[in-house]
PDB file of N, CA and C in Angstrom:
ATOM      1  N   MET A   1    -114.406  51.951  28.975  1.00  0.00           N
ATOM      2  CA  MET A   1    -114.351  53.563  28.775  1.00  0.00           C
ATOM      3  C   MET A   1    -114.671  53.925  30.250  1.00  0.00           C
ATOM      4  N   LEU A   2    -113.018  54.895  30.584  1.00  0.00           N
ATOM      5  CA  LEU A   2    -113.661  55.392  32.084  1.00  0.00           C
ATOM      6  C   LEU A   2    -113.578  56.966  31.843  1.00  0.00           C
ATOM      7  N   ILE A   3    -114.688  58.112  32.191  1.00  0.00           N
ATOM      8  CA  ILE A   3    -115.083  58.747  32.149  1.00  0.00           C
ATOM      9  C   ILE A   3    -114.886  59.752  33.165  1.00  0.00           C
ATOM     10  N   ASP A   4    -113.627  60.745  33.108  1.00  0.00           N
ATOM     11  CA  ASP A   4    -113.676  61.750  33.783  1.00  0.00           C
ATOM     12  C   ASP A   4    -114.283  62.800  33.741  1.00  0.00           C
ATOM     13  N   PHE A   5    -115.422  62.512  34.809  1.00  0.00           N
ATOM     14  CA  PHE A   5    -116.702  63.647  35.475  1.00  0.00           C
ATOM     15  C   PHE A   5    -115.565  65.146  35.623  1.00  0.00           C
ATOM     16  N   ARG A   6    -114.838  65.231  36.500  1.00  0.00           N
ATOM     17  CA  ARG A   6    -113.965  66.152  37.280  1.00  0.00           C
ATOM     18  C   ARG A   6    -114.185  66.550  35.165  1.00  0.00           C
ATOM     19  N   GLN A   7    -112.968  66.151  34.619  1.00  0.00           N
ATOM     20  CA  GLN A   7    -112.166  66.738  34.167  1.00  0.00           C
ATOM     21  C   GLN A   7    -113.046  67.269  32.876  1.00  0.00           C
ATOM     22  N   VAL A   8    -114.337  66.746  32.249  1.00  0.00           N
ATOM     23  CA  VAL A   8    -115.486  66.849  31.444  1.00  0.00           C
ATOM     24  C   VAL A   8    -115.973  68.268  32.271  1.00  0.00           C
ATOM     25  N   GLN A   9    -116.305  68.248  32.698  1.00  0.00           N
ATOM     26  CA  GLN A   9    -117.081  69.383  34.003  1.00  0.00           C
ATOM     27  C   GLN A   9    -115.483  70.713  33.607  1.00  0.00           C
ATOM     28  N   LEU A  10    -114.597  70.491  34.216  1.00  0.00           N
ATOM     29  CA  LEU A  10    -113.478  71.578  34.046  1.00  0.00           C
ATOM     30  C   LEU A  10    -113.275  72.011  32.489  1.00  0.00           C
ATOM     31  N   ASP A  11    -113.459  71.068  31.698  1.00  0.00           N
ATOM     32  CA  ASP A  11    -113.276  71.826  30.086  1.00  0.00           C
ATOM     33  C   ASP A  11    -114.373  72.271  29.414  1.00  0.00           C
ATOM     34  N   LYS A  12    -115.918  72.307  30.392  1.00  0.00           N
ATOM     35  CA  LYS A  12    -117.232  73.181  30.016  1.00  0.00           C
ATOM     36  C   LYS A  12    -116.384  74.798  30.638  1.00  0.00           C
ATOM     37  N   PHE A  13    -115.917  74.762  32.197  1.00  0.00           N
ATOM     38  CA  PHE A  13    -115.089  76.353  32.628  1.00  0.00           C
ATOM     39  C   PHE A  13    -114.677  76.354  31.693  1.00  0.00           C
ATOM     40  N   LEU A  14    -113.271  76.051  31.205  1.00  0.00           N
ATOM     41  CA  LEU A  14    -112.529  76.344  30.782  1.00  0.00           C
ATOM     42  C   LEU A  14    -112.853  76.640  29.233  1.00  0.00           C
ATOM     43  N   GLN A  15    -114.081  75.993  28.629  1.00  0.00           N
ATOM     44  CA  GLN A  15    -114.723  76.803  26.969  1.00  0.00           C
ATOM     45  C   GLN A  15    -115.642  78.288  27.547  1.00  0.00           C
ATOM     46  N   LEU A  16    -116.628  77.819  28.395  1.00  0.00           N
ATOM     47  CA  LEU A  16    -116.625  79.329  28.702  1.00  0.00           C
ATOM     48  C   LEU A  16    -116.439  80.430  28.443  1.00  0.00           C
ATOM     49  N   ALA A  17    -115.269  79.884  30.450  1.00  0.00           N
ATOM     50  CA  ALA A  17    -114.430  80.942  30.392  1.00  0.00           C
ATOM     51  C   ALA A  17    -113.190  81.408  29.265  1.00  0.00           C
ATOM     52  N   THR A  18    -112.624  80.831  28.446  1.00  0.00           N
ATOM     53  CA  THR A  18    -111.772  81.374  27.009  1.00  0.00           C
ATOM     54  C   THR A  18    -113.238  82.405  26.005  1.00  0.00           C
ATOM     55  N   GLN A  19    -114.426  81.921  26.169  1.00  0.00           N
ATOM     56  CA  GLN A  19    -115.280  82.407  25.114  1.00  0.00           C
ATOM     57  C   GLN A  19    -115.788  83.789  25.300  1.00  0.00           C
ATOM     58  N   ILE A  20    -116.122  84.270  26.983  1.00  0.00           N
ATOM     59  CA  ILE A  20    -115.759  85.534  27.380  1.00  0.00           C
ATOM     60  C   ILE A  20    -114.948  86.815  27.470  1.00  0.00           C
ATOM     61  N   VAL A  21    -113.220  86.110  27.414  1.00  0.00           N
ATOM     62  CA  VAL A  21    -111.927  86.810  27.963  1.00  0.00           C
ATOM     63  C   VAL A  21    -112.022  86.763  26.074  1.00  0.00           C
ATOM     64  N   GLU A  22    -112.349  86.075  24.987  1.00  0.00           N
ATOM     65  CA  GLU A  22    -112.428  86.316  23.360  1.00  0.00           C
ATOM     66  C   GLU A  22    -113.624  87.576  23.108  1.00  0.00           C
ATOM     67  N   ASN A  23    -114.034  87.219  23.680  1.00  0.00           N
ATOM     68  CA  ASN A  23    -115.624  88.442  23.819  1.00  0.00           C
ATOM     69  C   ASN A  23    -116.459  89.057  24.319  1.00  0.00           C
ATOM     70  N   PRO A  24    -115.373  89.895  25.950  1.00  0.00           N
ATOM     71  CA  PRO A  24    -116.536  90.335  26.335  1.00  0.00           C
ATOM     72  C   PRO A  24    -117.540  91.015  26.605  1.00  0.00           C
ATOM     73  N   ALA A  25    -117.214  91.836  25.637  1.00  0.00           N
ATOM     74  CA  ALA A  25    -118.474  92.884  25.121  1.00  0.00           C
ATOM     75  C   ALA A  25    -119.656  92.066  25.338  1.00  0.00           C
ATOM     76  N   ASP A  26    -119.220  90.572  24.833  1.00  0.00           N
ATOM     77  CA  ASP A  26    -120.925  90.024  24.406  1.00  0.00           C
ATOM     78  C   ASP A  26    -121.018  89.348  26.320  1.00  0.00           C
ATOM     79  N   TYR A  27    -120.575  89.751  27.430  1.00  0.00           N
ATOM     80  CA  TYR A  27    -120.336  88.760  28.651  1.00  0.00           C
ATOM     81  C   TYR A  27    -120.767  90.700  29.984  1.00  0.00           C
ATOM     82  N   LEU A  28    -119.743  90.521  29.881  1.00  0.00           N
ATOM     83  CA  LEU A  28    -119.116  91.554  30.099  1.00  0.00           C
ATOM     84  C   LEU A  28    -119.838  93.005  30.642  1.00  0.00           C
ATOM     85  N   GLN A  29    -121.741  93.159  30.445  1.00  0.00           N
ATOM     86  CA  GLN A  29    -121.968  93.967  30.537  1.00  0.00           C
ATOM     87  C   GLN A  29    -123.236  94.306  31.888  1.00  0.00           C
ATOM     88  N   PHE A  30    -122.294  94.971  32.842  1.00  0.00           N
ATOM     89  CA  PHE A  30    -122.607  95.212  34.452  1.00  0.00           C
ATOM     90  C   PHE A  30    -122.484  96.531  34.524  1.00  0.00           C
ATOM     91  N   ASP A  31    -123.534  97.608  35.292  1.00  0.00           N
ATOM     92  CA  ASP A  31    -123.789  98.929  35.620  1.00  0.00           C
ATOM     93  C   ASP A  31    -123.190  98.437  36.745  1.00  0.00           C
ATOM     94  N   SER A  32    -123.006  98.167  37.805  1.00  0.00           N
ATOM     95  CA  SER A  32    -122.442  97.108  39.246  1.00  0.00           C
ATOM     96  C   SER A  32    -122.160  96.071  39.419  1.00  0.00           C
ATOM     97  N   VAL A  33    -122.026  95.727  40.477  1.00  0.00           N
ATOM     98  CA  VAL A  33    -122.081  94.172  40.815  1.00  0.00           C
ATOM     99  C   VAL A  33    -123.202  93.947  41.214  1.00  0.00           C
ATOM    100  N   SER A  34    -124.385  93.983  41.718  1.00  0.00           N
ATOM    101  CA  SER A  34    -125.594  93.862  41.324  1.00  0.00           C
ATOM    102  C   SER A  34    -126.083  93.288  39.956  1.00  0.00           C
ATOM    103  N   ASP A  35    -125.492  93.728  38.974  1.00  0.00           N
ATOM    104  CA  ASP A  35    -126.266  93.052  37.552  1.00  0.00           C
ATOM    105  C   ASP A  35    -124.620  91.932  37.343  1.00  0.00           C
ATOM    106  N   PHE A  36    -123.561  92.270  37.768  1.00  0.00           N
ATOM    107  CA  PHE A  36    -122.655  90.958  38.071  1.00  0.00           C
ATOM    108  C   PHE A  36    -123.648  89.606  38.766  1.00  0.00           C
ATOM    109  N   TYR A  37    -124.307  88.953  39.450  1.00  0.00           N
ATOM    110  CA  TYR A  37    -125.094  88.186  39.544  1.00  0.00           C
ATOM    111  C   TYR A  37    -126.232  88.122  39.776  1.00  0.00           C
ATOM    112  N   LYS A  38    -126.535  88.616  38.716  1.00  0.00           N
ATOM    113  CA  LYS A  38    -127.730  88.870  37.740  1.00  0.00           C
ATOM    114  C   LYS A  38    -127.776  87.964  36.550  1.00  0.00           C
ATOM    115  N   ALA A  39    -126.736  88.246  35.865  1.00  0.00           N
ATOM    116  CA  ALA A  39    -125.668  87.565  34.834  1.00  0.00           C
ATOM    117  C   ALA A  39    -126.583  86.442  35.104  1.00  0.00           C
ATOM    118  N   THR A  40    -127.733  85.942  33.115  1.00  0.00           N
ATOM    119  CA  THR A  40    -128.048  84.512  33.268  1.00  0.00           C
ATOM    120  C   THR A  40    -126.615  83.548  33.065  1.00  0.00           C
ATOM    121  N   TRP A  41    -125.984  83.866  32.282  1.00  0.00           N
ATOM    122  CA  TRP A  41    -124.463  83.185  32.045  1.00  0.00           C
ATOM    123  C   TRP A  41    -123.753  82.746  32.945  1.00  0.00           C
ATOM    124  N   LEU A  42    -124.335  82.763  34.307  1.00  0.00           N
ATOM    125  CA  LEU A  42    -123.602  82.319  35.713  1.00  0.00           C
ATOM    126  C   LEU A  42    -123.650  80.847  35.322  1.00  0.00           C
ATOM    127  N   ASP A  43    -125.625  80.769  35.070  1.00  0.00           N
ATOM    128  CA  ASP A  43    -125.753  79.515  34.932  1.00  0.00           C
ATOM    129  C   ASP A  43    -125.295  78.369  34.297  1.00  0.00           C
ATOM    130  N   ASP A  44    -124.550  78.217  33.003  1.00  0.00           N
ATOM    131  CA  ASP A  44    -124.024  78.043  32.301  1.00  0.00           C
ATOM    132  C   ASP A  44    -122.526  77.515  32.681  1.00  0.00           C
ATOM    133  N   PHE A  45    -121.954  77.742  33.410  1.00  0.00           N
ATOM    134  CA  PHE A  45    -120.853  77.074  34.236  1.00  0.00           C
ATOM    135  C   PHE A  45    -120.906  76.034  35.094  1.00  0.00           C
ATOM    136  N   PRO A  46    -120.487  74.519  35.243  1.00  0.00           N
ATOM    137  CA  PRO A  46    -121.295  73.548  35.583  1.00  0.00           C
ATOM    138  C   PRO A  46    -121.070  73.754  37.296  1.00  0.00           C
ATOM    139  N   THR A  47    -121.732  72.922  37.185  1.00  0.00           N
ATOM    140  CA  THR A  47    -122.237  72.410  38.917  1.00  0.00           C
ATOM    141  C   THR A  47    -120.743  72.977  39.708  1.00  0.00           C
ATOM    142  N   GLY A  48    -120.320  73.274  41.060  1.00  0.00           N
ATOM    143  CA  GLY A  48    -119.507  73.590  41.098  1.00  0.00           C
ATOM    144  C   GLY A  48    -118.410  74.457  41.624  1.00  0.00           C
ATOM    145  N   THR A  49    -118.140  75.340  40.654  1.00  0.00           N
ATOM    146  CA  THR A  49    -118.018  77.183  40.164  1.00  0.00           C
ATOM    147  C   THR A  49    -118.426  77.544  41.526  1.00  0.00           C
ATOM    148  N   THR A  50    -117.736  78.282  41.938  1.00  0.00           N
ATOM    149  CA  THR A  50    -117.920  79.504  42.623  1.00  0.00           C
ATOM    150  C   THR A  50    -117.565  80.237  42.304  1.00  0.00           C
ATOM    151  N   TRP A  51    -118.026  81.716  42.780  1.00  0.00           N
ATOM    152  CA  TRP A  51    -118.293  83.182  42.118  1.00  0.00           C
ATOM    153  C   TRP A  51    -118.192  84.459  43.594  1.00  0.00           C
ATOM    154  N   TYR A  52    -117.510  85.113  43.432  1.00  0.00           N
ATOM    155  CA  TYR A  52    -117.670  86.216  44.340  1.00  0.00           C
ATOM    156  C   TYR A  52    -116.851  87.540  43.744  1.00  0.00           C
ATOM    157  N   ALA A  53    -117.366  88.653  44.255  1.00  0.00           N
ATOM    158  CA  ALA A  53    -117.110  89.857  43.585  1.00  0.00           C
ATOM    159  C   ALA A  53    -117.138  91.043  45.247  1.00  0.00           C
ATOM    160  N   SER A  54    -116.081  91.869  44.703  1.00  0.00           N
ATOM    161  CA  SER A  54    -115.488  92.788  44.892  1.00  0.00           C
ATOM    162  C   SER A  54    -116.355  93.748  44.784  1.00  0.00           C
ATOM    163  N   GLY A  55    -116.748  94.889  45.986  1.00  0.00           N
ATOM    164  CA  GLY A  55    -116.921  96.022  45.782  1.00  0.00           C
ATOM    165  C   GLY A  55    -117.591  96.087  47.031  1.00  0.00           C
ATOM    166  N   LEU A  56    -117.950  97.325  47.370  1.00  0.00           N
ATOM    167  CA  LEU A  56    -118.663  98.367  48.722  1.00  0.00           C
ATOM    168  C   LEU A  56    -119.386  97.802  48.876  1.00  0.00           C
ATOM    169  N   ASP A  57    -120.516  97.416  48.434  1.00  0.00           N
ATOM    170  CA  ASP A  57    -121.443  96.944  47.889  1.00  0.00           C
ATOM    171  C   ASP A  57    -122.556  96.250  46.829  1.00  0.00           C
ATOM    172  N   ASP A  58    -123.914  96.515  46.829  1.00  0.00           N
ATOM    173  CA  ASP A  58    -124.229  96.409  45.463  1.00  0.00           C
ATOM    174  C   ASP A  58    -124.428  96.999  44.547  1.00  0.00           C
ATOM    175  N   GLY A  59    -124.119  98.233  44.578  1.00  0.00           N
ATOM    176  CA  GLY A  59    -124.825  98.969  43.820  1.00  0.00           C
ATOM    177  C   GLY A  59    -123.434  99.544  43.298  1.00  0.00           C
ATOM    178  N   ALA A  60    -122.225  98.781  43.996  1.00  0.00           N
ATOM    179  CA  ALA A  60    -120.673  99.183  42.987  1.00  0.00           C
ATOM    180  C   ALA A  60    -120.706  99.012  41.816  1.00  0.00           C
ATOM    181  N   GLU A  61    -119.779  99.942  40.994  1.00  0.00           N
ATOM    182  CA  GLU A  61    -120.146 100.408  39.616  1.00  0.00           C
ATOM    183  C   GLU A  61    -117.754 100.088  39.554  1.00  0.00           C
ATOM    184  N   ILE A  62    -116.959 100.020  39.866  1.00  0.00           N
ATOM    185  CA  ILE A  62    -116.122  99.623  39.906  1.00  0.00           C
ATOM    186  C   ILE A  62    -116.010  98.381  41.259  1.00  0.00           C
ATOM    187  N   PHE A  63    -115.538  96.801  40.335  1.00  0.00           N
ATOM    188  CA  PHE A  63    -114.860  95.711  40.807  1.00  0.00           C
ATOM    189  C   PHE A  63    -114.810  94.942  41.022  1.00  0.00           C
ATOM    190  N   ASP A  64    -114.218  94.004  40.726  1.00  0.00           N
ATOM    191  CA  ASP A  64    -113.850  92.527  40.458  1.00  0.00           C
ATOM    192  C   ASP A  64    -114.512  91.377  40.486  1.00  0.00           C
ATOM    193  N   ALA A  65    -114.760  90.767  40.049  1.00  0.00           N
ATOM    194  CA  ALA A  65    -115.193  89.296  40.267  1.00  0.00           C
ATOM    195  C   ALA A  65    -114.514  87.850  39.408  1.00  0.00           C
ATOM    196  N   ILE A  66    -115.062  86.950  41.101  1.00  0.00           N
ATOM    197  CA  ILE A  66    -113.293  85.642  40.622  1.00  0.00           C
ATOM    198  C   ILE A  66    -114.502  84.441  40.351  1.00  0.00           C
ATOM    199  N   LEU A  67    -114.262  83.921  39.645  1.00  0.00           N
ATOM    200  CA  LEU A  67    -115.060  82.371  39.578  1.00  0.00           C
ATOM    201  C   LEU A  67    -114.264  81.345  39.339  1.00  0.00           C
ATOM    202  N   CYS A  68    -114.347  80.064  40.485  1.00  0.00           N
ATOM    203  CA  CYS A  68    -112.937  79.518  40.515  1.00  0.00           C
ATOM    204  C   CYS A  68    -113.938  78.056  40.014  1.00  0.00           C
ATOM    205  N   TYR A  69    -113.219  77.489  39.468  1.00  0.00           N
ATOM    206  CA  TYR A  69    -113.463  75.051  39.212  1.00  0.00           C
ATOM    207  C   TYR A  69    -112.219  74.676  38.907  1.00  0.00           C
ATOM    208  N   ALA A  70    -112.624  73.783  40.346  1.00  0.00           N
ATOM    209  CA  ALA A  70    -111.035  73.322  40.611  1.00  0.00           C
ATOM    210  C   ALA A  70    -109.388  74.101  40.507  1.00  0.00           C
ATOM    211  N   HIS A  71    -108.349  74.004  39.297  1.00  0.00           N
ATOM    212  CA  HIS A  71    -108.014  74.701  39.574  1.00  0.00           C
ATOM    213  C   HIS A  71    -107.436  75.825  38.323  1.00  0.00           C
ATOM    214  N   ALA A  72    -109.138  76.074  38.463  1.00  0.00           N
ATOM    215  CA  ALA A  72    -109.053  77.306  36.521  1.00  0.00           C
ATOM    216  C   ALA A  72    -109.777  78.205  37.619  1.00  0.00           C
ATOM    217  N   LYS A  73    -109.264  79.554  37.054  1.00  0.00           N
ATOM    218  CA  LYS A  73    -109.647  80.798  37.459  1.00  0.00           C
ATOM    219  C   LYS A  73    -110.075  81.826  36.287  1.00  0.00           C
ATOM    220  N   LEU A  74    -111.384  82.450  36.328  1.00  0.00           N
ATOM    221  CA  LEU A  74    -111.685  83.890  35.686  1.00  0.00           C
ATOM    222  C   LEU A  74    -111.936  84.836  35.840  1.00  0.00           C
ATOM    223  N   ILE A  75    -111.097  85.768  35.863  1.00  0.00           N
ATOM    224  CA  ILE A  75    -110.877  87.110  36.531  1.00  0.00           C
ATOM    225  C   ILE A  75    -111.238  88.209  35.949  1.00  0.00           C
ATOM    226  N   ILE A  76    -112.448  88.608  36.026  1.00  0.00           N
ATOM    227  CA  ILE A  76    -113.397  89.783  35.388  1.00  0.00           C
ATOM    228  C   ILE A  76    -112.572  91.239  36.690  1.00  0.00           C
ATOM    229  N   SER A  77    -112.375  91.749  36.095  1.00  0.00           N
ATOM    230  CA  SER A  77    -112.046  93.941  36.046  1.00  0.00           C
ATOM    231  C   SER A  77    -113.909  94.454  35.057  1.00  0.00           C
ATOM    232  N   CYS A  78    -113.902  95.269  36.799  1.00  0.00           N
ATOM    233  CA  CYS A  78    -114.682  95.969  36.254  1.00  0.00           C
ATOM    234  C   CYS A  78    -114.951  96.899  36.554  1.00  0.00           C
ATOM    235  N   GLY A  79    -114.958  98.383  35.432  1.00  0.00           N
ATOM    236  CA  GLY A  79    -114.204 100.011  35.822  1.00  0.00           C
ATOM    237  C   GLY A  79    -114.330 100.679  34.650  1.00  0.00           C
ATOM    238  N   ALA A  80    -113.728 101.631  34.434  1.00  0.00           N
ATOM    239  CA  ALA A  80    -113.342 102.183  33.117  1.00  0.00           C
ATOM    240  C   ALA A  80    -113.350 101.406  32.332  1.00  0.00           C
ATOM    241  N   GLU A  81    -112.509 100.135  32.590  1.00  0.00           N
ATOM    242  CA  GLU A  81    -112.777  99.239  31.258  1.00  0.00           C
ATOM    243  C   GLU A  81    -112.972  97.813  31.808  1.00  0.00           C
ATOM    244  N   ARG A  82    -113.763  96.818  31.272  1.00  0.00           N
ATOM    245  CA  ARG A  82    -114.254  95.480  31.507  1.00  0.00           C
ATOM    246  C   ARG A  82    -113.121  94.782  30.597  1.00  0.00           C
ATOM    247  N   THR A  83    -112.492  93.833  31.630  1.00  0.00           N
ATOM    248  CA  THR A  83    -111.509  92.624  31.279  1.00  0.00           C
ATOM    249  C   THR A  83    -111.744  91.304  32.000  1.00  0.00           C
ATOM    250  N   ALA A  84    -111.561  90.542  31.220  1.00  0.00           N
ATOM    251  CA  ALA A  84    -111.377  89.340  31.750  1.00  0.00           C
ATOM    252  C   ALA A  84    -109.643  88.645  31.177  1.00  0.00           C
ATOM    253  N   TYR A  85    -109.316  87.653  31.831  1.00  0.00           N
ATOM    254  CA  TYR A  85    -108.576  86.501  31.947  1.00  0.00           C
ATOM    255  C   TYR A  85    -108.677  85.299  32.886  1.00  0.00           C
ATOM    256  N   LEU A  86    -108.271  84.293  31.762  1.00  0.00           N
ATOM    257  CA  LEU A  86    -108.486  83.039  32.288  1.00  0.00           C
ATOM    258  C   LEU A  86    -106.971  82.834  32.904  1.00  0.00           C
ATOM    259  N   LYS A  87    -106.975  81.857  34.498  1.00  0.00           N
ATOM    260  CA  LYS A  87    -105.157  81.677  34.963  1.00  0.00           C
ATOM    261  C   LYS A  87    -105.790  79.864  35.153  1.00  0.00           C
ATOM    262  N   THR A  88    -105.103  79.342  35.076  1.00  0.00           N
ATOM    263  CA  THR A  88    -104.374  77.762  35.128  1.00  0.00           C
ATOM    264  C   THR A  88    -103.814  77.767  36.192  1.00  0.00           C
ATOM    265  N   ASP A  89    -103.768  77.009  37.739  1.00  0.00           N
ATOM    266  CA  ASP A  89    -103.110  76.321  38.463  1.00  0.00           C
ATOM    267  C   ASP A  89    -102.365  75.127  37.870  1.00  0.00           C
ATOM    268  N   ASP A  90    -101.573  75.039  36.268  1.00  0.00           N
ATOM    269  CA  ASP A  90    -101.138  73.289  36.486  1.00  0.00           C
ATOM    270  C   ASP A  90    -100.440  72.881  37.204  1.00  0.00           C
TER     271      ASP A  90
END
């Protein structure tokens, strides 16, 4: 039996991203970009996940963050409302 480790890691990414999309209040508790980078749940994503955030500086209160693994992206928008959605390029 062959195990596709990339697929296992992708499944892990998708599972955590789906949890965030379905329960944003449990995860998206940021006052600034700096708080996003300190979020402990970022470490739960599989090795190889990359992320970045837009914002004028570390104290920006309105920003977007994008987490990527393979062909999947979790897009987080923090402003007046905090939302997250998952995009996959199949």
